[in-house]
């Protein structure tokens, strides 16, 4: 196990204080993403890919917001800002593509 990994596997419902607020937020977002990515597949690879990417990208945006709330390192904060901006643009591109192709 690496130094960055914990020997304890956190659970979102754990009420102990061993998990930081940021860890709890990341865990909740990851759980939500897995639920939200369970789309109704159409059989069209293009549409299914685009529809599945929306919740994936949205959780990245939300995780970046958590990072901006709790992280102190300037490099991490700048990366979070850049990731958030890029993913928000991609969500708009995906939604525009879906509007053109689902009509």
Protein backbone atom coordinates (compact mmCIF):
# COMPACT_ATOMS: atom_id res chain seq x y z
CA UNK A 1 0.00 0.00 0.00
CA UNK A 2 1.45 3.39 -0.95
CA UNK A 3 1.94 6.26 1.45
CA UNK A 4 -0.95 8.07 -0.24
CA UNK A 5 -3.39 5.23 0.38
CA UNK A 6 -5.09 4.61 3.68
CA UNK A 7 -5.26 1.24 5.37
CA UNK A 8 -8.85 2.11 6.25
CA UNK A 9 -11.48 2.06 3.52
CA UNK A 10 -13.80 5.00 4.16
CA UNK A 11 -17.55 4.73 3.78
CA UNK A 12 -19.77 7.76 3.12
CA UNK A 13 -22.01 6.94 6.09
CA UNK A 14 -19.17 6.67 8.60
CA UNK A 15 -19.89 9.16 11.38
CA UNK A 16 -16.42 9.05 12.92
CA UNK A 17 -14.14 12.05 12.76
CA UNK A 18 -11.31 10.22 10.96
CA UNK A 19 -12.47 11.50 7.58
CA UNK A 20 -11.97 15.13 6.71
CA UNK A 21 -14.76 17.21 5.25
CA UNK A 22 -13.00 17.15 1.89
CA UNK A 23 -12.74 13.35 1.96
CA UNK A 24 -16.42 13.04 2.77
CA UNK A 25 -17.27 15.42 -0.08
CA UNK A 26 -15.10 13.52 -2.58
CA UNK A 27 -16.66 10.22 -1.50
CA UNK A 28 -20.19 11.56 -1.84
CA UNK A 29 -19.44 12.94 -5.29
CA UNK A 30 -17.91 9.68 -6.47
CA UNK A 31 -20.94 7.73 -5.25
CA UNK A 32 -23.30 10.15 -6.97
CA UNK A 33 -21.37 9.91 -10.23
CA UNK A 34 -21.66 6.13 -10.30
CA UNK A 35 -25.44 6.41 -9.88
CA UNK A 36 -25.80 9.25 -12.40
CA UNK A 37 -23.76 7.41 -15.04
CA UNK A 38 -26.34 4.61 -15.13
CA UNK A 39 -28.03 6.02 -18.22
CA UNK A 40 -30.65 4.37 -20.40
CA UNK A 41 -28.49 3.18 -23.26
CA UNK A 42 -29.78 3.76 -26.78
CA UNK A 43 -27.51 1.44 -28.73
CA UNK A 44 -26.03 4.48 -30.48
CA UNK A 45 -22.38 4.64 -29.38
CA UNK A 46 -22.13 8.38 -30.02
CA UNK A 47 -25.22 9.32 -28.03
CA UNK A 48 -24.47 6.88 -25.22
CA UNK A 49 -20.92 8.21 -24.89
CA UNK A 50 -22.03 11.83 -24.81
CA UNK A 51 -24.83 11.18 -22.33
CA UNK A 52 -22.49 9.23 -20.04
CA UNK A 53 -19.91 11.99 -20.09
CA UNK A 54 -22.21 14.63 -18.62
CA UNK A 55 -22.34 13.17 -15.08
CA UNK A 56 -18.66 12.23 -15.34
CA UNK A 57 -17.66 15.79 -16.24
CA UNK A 58 -20.07 17.29 -13.70
CA UNK A 59 -18.50 15.35 -10.83
CA UNK A 60 -15.08 16.59 -11.95
CA UNK A 61 -16.38 20.17 -11.77
CA UNK A 62 -17.85 19.49 -8.33
CA UNK A 63 -14.62 17.87 -7.11
CA UNK A 64 -12.69 20.91 -8.30
CA UNK A 65 -15.05 23.09 -6.25
CA UNK A 66 -14.28 20.95 -3.19
CA UNK A 67 -10.58 21.36 -3.91
CA UNK A 68 -10.97 25.13 -4.11
CA UNK A 69 -12.82 25.09 -0.79
CA UNK A 70 -10.33 22.93 1.13
CA UNK A 71 -6.96 22.91 -0.67
CA UNK A 72 -4.16 25.32 0.17
CA UNK A 73 -1.43 24.52 -2.34
CA UNK A 74 -1.44 27.19 -5.09
CA UNK A 75 -0.60 24.65 -7.79
CA UNK A 76 -3.50 22.39 -6.79
CA UNK A 77 -5.86 25.36 -6.63
CA UNK A 78 -4.81 26.58 -10.09
CA UNK A 79 -5.22 23.10 -11.55
CA UNK A 80 -8.67 22.82 -9.96
CA UNK A 81 -9.70 26.16 -11.49
CA UNK A 82 -8.43 25.15 -14.92
CA UNK A 83 -10.07 21.73 -14.75
CA UNK A 84 -13.36 23.30 -13.68
CA UNK A 85 -13.33 25.76 -16.58
CA UNK A 86 -12.40 23.11 -19.15
CA UNK A 87 -15.01 20.62 -17.96
CA UNK A 88 -17.76 23.27 -17.88
CA UNK A 89 -16.97 24.13 -21.49
CA UNK A 90 -17.03 20.45 -22.46
CA UNK A 91 -20.41 19.98 -20.74
CA UNK A 92 -21.78 22.83 -22.86
CA UNK A 93 -20.31 21.29 -26.02
CA UNK A 94 -21.82 17.90 -25.15
CA UNK A 95 -25.24 19.39 -24.43
CA UNK A 96 -25.19 21.32 -27.70
CA UNK A 97 -24.20 18.15 -29.59
CA UNK A 98 -26.99 16.20 -27.91
CA UNK A 99 -29.56 18.88 -28.79
CA UNK A 100 -28.52 18.67 -32.45
CA UNK A 101 -28.57 14.86 -32.57
CA UNK A 102 -31.55 13.96 -30.40
CA UNK A 103 -34.12 16.05 -32.24
